[in-house]
Amino acid sequence: MALGRITRERGVSSIKILLLIFFVLNLSGLSSCTNSDTKNDDKKESSRKMEVQEARVFVFKYDGSLQCEKESRIPIEVMQRQLDNIKIFSSESKNDGLFRSQVCGSPTGQMNVYEILETDFKAAKKLGFKKLEMDKK
């Protein structure tokens, strides 16, 4: 109660003091949010720079597999040796999705796909690999 008497005597109401305290607390909270937002923005910017520096592409080559001939394909690990000096981030066997007649001895459409740096694409192209255009849905 002594604080109430002192504030009333000096012309400052307790509501004004509470508003001042509330305002100061909000300002201190805003500055910490602003700093963390700035840090997050810095992290996003550095990750964008890395993406630009290390753009990746998918390259492929058909595995040579033929319908009705189980042992006709080149395994993904064996074909990967052709890309000896190129860093590979991922690899998978994938079908090209095209319709094919069901005839023994005709190609299956299976291909070996490798994720590499875009800067290595020319070297892979010289080895017979093609760029796989991905649908962006």
N, C-alpha and C. Protein backbone atom coordinates (compact mmCIF):
# COMPACT_ATOMS: atom_id res chain seq x y z
N MET A 1 0.81 -1.19 0.00
CA MET A 1 0.00 0.00 0.00
C MET A 1 0.85 1.26 0.00
N ALA A 2 2.06 1.16 0.54
CA ALA A 2 2.92 2.34 0.58
C ALA A 2 3.26 2.78 -0.84
N LEU A 3 3.47 1.83 -1.76
CA LEU A 3 3.77 2.16 -3.14
C LEU A 3 2.62 2.89 -3.79
N GLY A 4 1.40 2.45 -3.49
CA GLY A 4 0.21 3.11 -4.04
C GLY A 4 0.11 4.56 -3.60
N ARG A 5 0.39 4.82 -2.30
CA ARG A 5 0.34 6.20 -1.79
C ARG A 5 1.40 7.07 -2.44
N ILE A 6 2.60 6.52 -2.60
CA ILE A 6 3.70 7.29 -3.16
C ILE A 6 3.41 7.61 -4.62
N THR A 7 2.89 6.64 -5.36
CA THR A 7 2.62 6.88 -6.78
C THR A 7 1.49 7.87 -6.97
N ARG A 8 0.44 7.80 -6.10
CA ARG A 8 -0.65 8.75 -6.22
C ARG A 8 -0.20 10.16 -5.88
N GLU A 9 0.70 10.26 -4.88
CA GLU A 9 1.19 11.57 -4.48
C GLU A 9 2.00 12.21 -5.60
N ARG A 10 2.75 11.43 -6.35
CA ARG A 10 3.58 11.96 -7.43
C ARG A 10 2.82 12.03 -8.75
N GLY A 11 1.59 11.63 -8.78
CA GLY A 11 0.76 11.73 -9.98
C GLY A 11 0.92 10.57 -10.95
N VAL A 12 1.48 9.45 -10.51
CA VAL A 12 1.66 8.28 -11.37
C VAL A 12 0.72 7.20 -10.87
N SER A 13 -0.17 6.75 -11.69
CA SER A 13 -1.11 5.72 -11.26
C SER A 13 -0.46 4.34 -11.40
N SER A 14 -0.97 3.40 -10.65
CA SER A 14 -0.43 2.04 -10.72
C SER A 14 -0.69 1.42 -12.09
N ILE A 15 -1.72 1.85 -12.78
CA ILE A 15 -1.99 1.34 -14.13
C ILE A 15 -0.88 1.76 -15.08
N LYS A 16 -0.40 3.00 -14.95
CA LYS A 16 0.68 3.47 -15.80
C LYS A 16 1.96 2.68 -15.54
N ILE A 17 2.20 2.35 -14.28
CA ILE A 17 3.39 1.56 -13.94
C ILE A 17 3.29 0.17 -14.54
N LEU A 18 2.11 -0.45 -14.43
CA LEU A 18 1.92 -1.78 -15.00
C LEU A 18 2.08 -1.75 -16.52
N LEU A 19 1.53 -0.73 -17.17
CA LEU A 19 1.68 -0.61 -18.61
C LEU A 19 3.14 -0.44 -19.00
N LEU A 20 3.88 0.33 -18.23
CA LEU A 20 5.30 0.53 -18.49
C LEU A 20 6.06 -0.79 -18.37
N ILE A 21 5.78 -1.54 -17.31
CA ILE A 21 6.44 -2.84 -17.10
C ILE A 21 6.09 -3.78 -18.26
N PHE A 22 4.83 -3.84 -18.64
CA PHE A 22 4.37 -4.69 -19.74
C PHE A 22 5.09 -4.31 -21.04
N PHE A 23 5.19 -3.01 -21.30
CA PHE A 23 5.84 -2.51 -22.51
C PHE A 23 7.31 -2.90 -22.55
N VAL A 24 8.02 -2.75 -21.43
CA VAL A 24 9.44 -3.09 -21.36
C VAL A 24 9.65 -4.58 -21.57
N LEU A 25 8.78 -5.40 -20.96
CA LEU A 25 8.91 -6.85 -21.14
C LEU A 25 8.66 -7.26 -22.58
N ASN A 26 7.70 -6.65 -23.23
CA ASN A 26 7.43 -6.96 -24.63
C ASN A 26 8.59 -6.56 -25.53
N LEU A 27 9.20 -5.43 -25.25
CA LEU A 27 10.35 -5.00 -26.06
C LEU A 27 11.51 -5.97 -25.94
N SER A 28 11.76 -6.45 -24.72
CA SER A 28 12.87 -7.39 -24.55
C SER A 28 12.57 -8.71 -25.26
N GLY A 29 11.32 -9.13 -25.29
CA GLY A 29 10.93 -10.35 -26.01
C GLY A 29 11.06 -10.18 -27.50
N LEU A 30 10.75 -9.00 -28.01
CA LEU A 30 10.85 -8.74 -29.45
C LEU A 30 12.29 -8.77 -29.92
N SER A 31 13.19 -8.24 -29.12
CA SER A 31 14.59 -8.21 -29.55
C SER A 31 15.14 -9.62 -29.65
N SER A 32 14.76 -10.51 -28.73
CA SER A 32 15.26 -11.88 -28.82
C SER A 32 14.66 -12.60 -30.02
N CYS A 33 13.39 -12.32 -30.35
CA CYS A 33 12.77 -12.92 -31.54
C CYS A 33 13.46 -12.42 -32.80
N THR A 34 13.77 -11.14 -32.81
CA THR A 34 14.42 -10.57 -33.98
C THR A 34 15.79 -11.19 -34.18
N ASN A 35 16.53 -11.41 -33.10
CA ASN A 35 17.85 -12.03 -33.22
C ASN A 35 17.74 -13.46 -33.72
N SER A 36 16.78 -14.24 -33.22
CA SER A 36 16.65 -15.62 -33.67
C SER A 36 16.17 -15.66 -35.12
N ASP A 37 15.30 -14.72 -35.50
CA ASP A 37 14.87 -14.67 -36.90
C ASP A 37 16.06 -14.37 -37.80
N THR A 38 16.92 -13.47 -37.37
CA THR A 38 18.10 -13.13 -38.15
C THR A 38 19.01 -14.35 -38.29
N LYS A 39 19.17 -15.09 -37.19
CA LYS A 39 20.00 -16.30 -37.24
C LYS A 39 19.39 -17.32 -38.19
N ASN A 40 18.06 -17.51 -38.13
CA ASN A 40 17.40 -18.44 -39.04
C ASN A 40 17.55 -18.00 -40.48
N ASP A 41 17.43 -16.69 -40.73
CA ASP A 41 17.61 -16.18 -42.09
C ASP A 41 19.03 -16.44 -42.58
N ASP A 42 20.02 -16.26 -41.69
CA ASP A 42 21.41 -16.53 -42.06
C ASP A 42 21.61 -17.99 -42.42
N LYS A 43 20.99 -18.90 -41.64
CA LYS A 43 21.10 -20.33 -41.92
C LYS A 43 20.44 -20.66 -43.26
N LYS A 44 19.27 -20.08 -43.51
CA LYS A 44 18.59 -20.33 -44.78
C LYS A 44 19.42 -19.83 -45.95
N GLU A 45 20.02 -18.67 -45.80
CA GLU A 45 20.84 -18.09 -46.87
C GLU A 45 22.06 -18.96 -47.15
N SER A 46 22.71 -19.46 -46.09
CA SER A 46 23.89 -20.30 -46.30
C SER A 46 23.50 -21.63 -46.94
N SER A 47 22.33 -22.18 -46.59
CA SER A 47 21.91 -23.42 -47.23
C SER A 47 21.54 -23.19 -48.69
N ARG A 48 20.97 -22.02 -49.00
CA ARG A 48 20.69 -21.69 -50.40
C ARG A 48 21.98 -21.59 -51.20
N LYS A 49 23.02 -20.99 -50.60
CA LYS A 49 24.30 -20.88 -51.29
C LYS A 49 24.88 -22.26 -51.57
N MET A 50 24.75 -23.18 -50.61
CA MET A 50 25.25 -24.53 -50.83
C MET A 50 24.48 -25.21 -51.95
N GLU A 51 23.15 -25.00 -52.00
CA GLU A 51 22.36 -25.60 -53.07
C GLU A 51 22.80 -25.07 -54.43
N VAL A 52 23.07 -23.78 -54.49
CA VAL A 52 23.51 -23.18 -55.74
C VAL A 52 24.88 -23.74 -56.12
N GLN A 53 25.77 -23.84 -55.15
CA GLN A 53 27.11 -24.35 -55.41
C GLN A 53 27.09 -25.82 -55.79
N GLU A 54 26.19 -26.59 -55.21
CA GLU A 54 26.18 -28.02 -55.43
C GLU A 54 24.87 -28.49 -56.04
N ALA A 55 24.48 -27.88 -57.14
CA ALA A 55 23.26 -28.32 -57.82
C ALA A 55 23.49 -29.74 -58.33
N ARG A 56 22.47 -30.55 -58.19
CA ARG A 56 22.59 -31.97 -58.57
C ARG A 56 21.62 -32.31 -59.69
N VAL A 57 21.98 -33.32 -60.46
CA VAL A 57 21.13 -33.82 -61.53
C VAL A 57 21.10 -35.34 -61.45
N PHE A 58 20.11 -35.90 -62.11
CA PHE A 58 20.01 -37.36 -62.21
C PHE A 58 20.39 -37.76 -63.62
N VAL A 59 21.28 -38.73 -63.73
CA VAL A 59 21.66 -39.27 -65.03
C VAL A 59 21.30 -40.75 -65.06
N PHE A 60 21.11 -41.26 -66.27
CA PHE A 60 20.72 -42.66 -66.38
C PHE A 60 21.32 -43.30 -67.62
N LYS A 61 21.31 -44.62 -67.56
CA LYS A 61 21.66 -45.44 -68.71
C LYS A 61 20.81 -46.70 -68.58
N TYR A 62 20.26 -47.17 -69.70
CA TYR A 62 19.47 -48.40 -69.66
C TYR A 62 20.36 -49.57 -69.24
N ASP A 63 19.78 -50.46 -68.43
CA ASP A 63 20.58 -51.57 -67.89
C ASP A 63 20.73 -52.73 -68.86
N GLY A 64 20.12 -52.65 -70.03
CA GLY A 64 20.27 -53.69 -71.05
C GLY A 64 19.41 -54.92 -70.82
N SER A 65 18.54 -54.88 -69.84
CA SER A 65 17.72 -56.07 -69.56
C SER A 65 16.69 -56.29 -70.65
N LEU A 66 16.48 -57.57 -70.95
CA LEU A 66 15.53 -57.99 -71.99
C LEU A 66 14.45 -58.86 -71.38
N GLN A 67 13.26 -58.77 -71.95
CA GLN A 67 12.15 -59.58 -71.46
C GLN A 67 12.47 -61.06 -71.67
N CYS A 68 12.10 -61.86 -70.68
CA CYS A 68 12.28 -63.33 -70.65
C CYS A 68 13.74 -63.75 -70.47
N GLU A 69 14.65 -62.80 -70.26
CA GLU A 69 16.06 -63.13 -70.08
C GLU A 69 16.54 -62.52 -68.76
N LYS A 70 16.47 -63.34 -67.70
CA LYS A 70 16.75 -62.85 -66.34
C LYS A 70 18.16 -62.30 -66.16
N GLU A 71 19.14 -62.88 -66.78
CA GLU A 71 20.54 -62.50 -66.55
C GLU A 71 21.05 -61.46 -67.55
N SER A 72 20.16 -60.76 -68.23
CA SER A 72 20.60 -59.85 -69.29
C SER A 72 20.93 -58.44 -68.80
N ARG A 73 20.60 -58.10 -67.58
CA ARG A 73 20.80 -56.72 -67.12
C ARG A 73 22.20 -56.48 -66.56
N ILE A 74 22.62 -55.22 -66.62
CA ILE A 74 23.87 -54.80 -65.97
C ILE A 74 23.48 -54.30 -64.58
N PRO A 75 23.97 -54.94 -63.52
CA PRO A 75 23.62 -54.50 -62.16
C PRO A 75 24.04 -53.05 -61.91
N ILE A 76 23.30 -52.38 -61.06
CA ILE A 76 23.54 -50.97 -60.77
C ILE A 76 24.95 -50.73 -60.23
N GLU A 77 25.47 -51.65 -59.42
CA GLU A 77 26.81 -51.50 -58.85
C GLU A 77 27.89 -51.61 -59.92
N VAL A 78 27.67 -52.49 -60.90
CA VAL A 78 28.65 -52.69 -61.97
C VAL A 78 28.69 -51.46 -62.88
N MET A 79 27.51 -50.95 -63.24
CA MET A 79 27.46 -49.76 -64.10
C MET A 79 28.03 -48.54 -63.38
N GLN A 80 27.88 -48.50 -62.08
CA GLN A 80 28.37 -47.37 -61.28
C GLN A 80 29.89 -47.22 -61.42
N ARG A 81 30.59 -48.32 -61.67
CA ARG A 81 32.05 -48.26 -61.84
C ARG A 81 32.44 -47.41 -63.04
N GLN A 82 31.54 -47.26 -64.02
CA GLN A 82 31.82 -46.41 -65.18
C GLN A 82 31.95 -44.95 -64.75
N LEU A 83 31.28 -44.59 -63.68
CA LEU A 83 31.32 -43.22 -63.15
C LEU A 83 32.40 -43.10 -62.08
N ASP A 84 33.50 -43.76 -62.28
CA ASP A 84 34.57 -43.91 -61.29
C ASP A 84 35.02 -42.59 -60.66
N ASN A 85 35.26 -41.55 -61.43
CA ASN A 85 35.80 -40.30 -60.89
C ASN A 85 34.70 -39.30 -60.53
N ILE A 86 33.46 -39.72 -60.56
CA ILE A 86 32.33 -38.83 -60.30
C ILE A 86 31.69 -39.23 -58.97
N LYS A 87 31.47 -38.22 -58.11
CA LYS A 87 30.82 -38.49 -56.82
C LYS A 87 29.34 -38.79 -57.05
N ILE A 88 28.87 -39.90 -56.49
CA ILE A 88 27.48 -40.33 -56.63
C ILE A 88 26.80 -40.18 -55.27
N PHE A 89 25.67 -39.45 -55.25
CA PHE A 89 24.95 -39.20 -54.01
C PHE A 89 23.87 -40.26 -53.76
N SER A 90 23.28 -40.78 -54.82
CA SER A 90 22.27 -41.84 -54.68
C SER A 90 22.18 -42.60 -56.00
N SER A 91 21.64 -43.80 -55.92
CA SER A 91 21.46 -44.60 -57.13
C SER A 91 20.24 -45.49 -56.95
N GLU A 92 19.59 -45.78 -58.06
CA GLU A 92 18.43 -46.67 -58.01
C GLU A 92 18.16 -47.24 -59.38
N SER A 93 17.50 -48.38 -59.41
CA SER A 93 17.03 -48.97 -60.64
C SER A 93 15.59 -48.51 -60.82
N LYS A 94 15.27 -48.04 -62.03
CA LYS A 94 13.96 -47.43 -62.24
C LYS A 94 13.48 -47.78 -63.65
N ASN A 95 12.18 -47.90 -63.79
CA ASN A 95 11.60 -48.14 -65.12
C ASN A 95 11.29 -46.82 -65.78
N ASP A 96 11.44 -46.75 -67.10
CA ASP A 96 11.21 -45.49 -67.80
C ASP A 96 9.73 -45.16 -67.95
N GLY A 97 8.86 -46.10 -67.65
CA GLY A 97 7.42 -45.84 -67.65
C GLY A 97 6.76 -45.86 -69.01
N LEU A 98 7.50 -46.22 -70.03
CA LEU A 98 6.92 -46.26 -71.38
C LEU A 98 6.23 -47.61 -71.61
N PHE A 99 5.20 -47.59 -72.45
CA PHE A 99 4.52 -48.83 -72.81
C PHE A 99 5.39 -49.64 -73.74
N ARG A 100 5.40 -50.95 -73.55
CA ARG A 100 6.20 -51.85 -74.39
C ARG A 100 5.38 -53.09 -74.72
N SER A 101 5.63 -53.60 -75.90
CA SER A 101 4.96 -54.85 -76.27
C SER A 101 5.59 -55.98 -75.46
N GLN A 102 4.79 -56.94 -75.12
CA GLN A 102 5.25 -58.07 -74.31
C GLN A 102 5.80 -59.16 -75.24
N VAL A 103 7.07 -58.99 -75.61
CA VAL A 103 7.71 -59.92 -76.53
C VAL A 103 9.07 -60.31 -75.96
N CYS A 104 9.31 -61.59 -75.85
CA CYS A 104 10.61 -62.05 -75.34
C CYS A 104 11.74 -61.49 -76.20
N GLY A 105 12.77 -61.00 -75.52
CA GLY A 105 13.93 -60.44 -76.21
C GLY A 105 13.86 -58.94 -76.44
N SER A 106 12.71 -58.32 -76.17
CA SER A 106 12.63 -56.87 -76.32
C SER A 106 13.02 -56.19 -75.01
N PRO A 107 13.48 -54.92 -75.06
CA PRO A 107 13.93 -54.23 -73.85
C PRO A 107 12.82 -54.08 -72.80
N THR A 108 13.24 -54.10 -71.53
CA THR A 108 12.29 -53.96 -70.42
C THR A 108 12.02 -52.51 -70.05
N GLY A 109 12.94 -51.62 -70.40
CA GLY A 109 12.79 -50.21 -70.01
C GLY A 109 13.37 -49.91 -68.64
N GLN A 110 14.09 -50.87 -68.06
CA GLN A 110 14.74 -50.64 -66.78
C GLN A 110 16.02 -49.85 -67.00
N MET A 111 16.25 -48.88 -66.13
CA MET A 111 17.46 -48.07 -66.24
C MET A 111 18.07 -47.88 -64.87
N ASN A 112 19.37 -47.65 -64.87
CA ASN A 112 20.11 -47.35 -63.65
C ASN A 112 20.25 -45.84 -63.57
N VAL A 113 19.80 -45.26 -62.44
CA VAL A 113 19.76 -43.81 -62.27
C VAL A 113 20.72 -43.44 -61.14
N TYR A 114 21.51 -42.38 -61.41
CA TYR A 114 22.50 -41.91 -60.44
C TYR A 114 22.34 -40.41 -60.23
N GLU A 115 22.44 -39.99 -58.97
CA GLU A 115 22.39 -38.56 -58.64
C GLU A 115 23.83 -38.06 -58.51
N ILE A 116 24.18 -37.07 -59.35
CA ILE A 116 25.54 -36.54 -59.37
C ILE A 116 25.50 -35.01 -59.34
N LEU A 117 26.65 -34.39 -59.19
CA LEU A 117 26.73 -32.93 -59.27
C LEU A 117 26.51 -32.50 -60.72
N GLU A 118 25.83 -31.39 -60.87
CA GLU A 118 25.56 -30.87 -62.21
C GLU A 118 26.87 -30.57 -62.96
N THR A 119 27.89 -30.19 -62.22
CA THR A 119 29.18 -29.88 -62.84
C THR A 119 29.85 -31.13 -63.43
N ASP A 120 29.43 -32.32 -62.98
CA ASP A 120 29.99 -33.58 -63.50
C ASP A 120 29.18 -34.14 -64.66
N PHE A 121 28.12 -33.46 -65.06
CA PHE A 121 27.24 -34.00 -66.10
C PHE A 121 27.97 -34.20 -67.42
N LYS A 122 28.82 -33.25 -67.82
CA LYS A 122 29.53 -33.39 -69.09
C LYS A 122 30.37 -34.66 -69.13
N ALA A 123 31.04 -34.94 -68.03
CA ALA A 123 31.87 -36.15 -67.96
C ALA A 123 30.99 -37.41 -68.06
N ALA A 124 29.84 -37.39 -67.39
CA ALA A 124 28.93 -38.54 -67.45
C ALA A 124 28.35 -38.70 -68.85
N LYS A 125 28.07 -37.59 -69.49
CA LYS A 125 27.52 -37.63 -70.86
C LYS A 125 28.52 -38.28 -71.82
N LYS A 126 29.81 -37.98 -71.64
CA LYS A 126 30.84 -38.59 -72.48
C LYS A 126 30.87 -40.11 -72.31
N LEU A 127 30.42 -40.58 -71.14
CA LEU A 127 30.38 -42.02 -70.86
C LEU A 127 29.08 -42.67 -71.31
N GLY A 128 28.21 -41.88 -71.97
CA GLY A 128 26.96 -42.43 -72.50
C GLY A 128 25.74 -42.25 -71.62
N PHE A 129 25.86 -41.52 -70.53
CA PHE A 129 24.72 -41.29 -69.65
C PHE A 129 23.92 -40.10 -70.17
N LYS A 130 22.63 -40.13 -69.90
CA LYS A 130 21.73 -39.05 -70.29
C LYS A 130 21.13 -38.43 -69.05
N LYS A 131 20.72 -37.17 -69.17
CA LYS A 131 20.09 -36.48 -68.04
C LYS A 131 18.64 -36.96 -67.94
N LEU A 132 18.23 -37.29 -66.73
CA LEU A 132 16.85 -37.71 -66.48
C LEU A 132 16.05 -36.49 -66.11
N GLU A 133 15.08 -36.16 -66.93
CA GLU A 133 14.21 -35.02 -66.66
C GLU A 133 13.11 -35.48 -65.72
N MET A 134 13.07 -34.90 -64.53
CA MET A 134 12.08 -35.28 -63.52
C MET A 134 10.84 -34.41 -63.67
N ASP A 135 9.68 -35.03 -63.53
CA ASP A 135 8.42 -34.28 -63.53
C ASP A 135 8.35 -33.46 -62.26
N LYS A 136 8.02 -32.19 -62.38
CA LYS A 136 7.89 -31.31 -61.22
C LYS A 136 6.41 -31.07 -60.95
N LYS A 137 5.83 -31.99 -60.22
CA LYS A 137 4.39 -31.90 -59.92
C LYS A 137 4.17 -31.33 -58.56
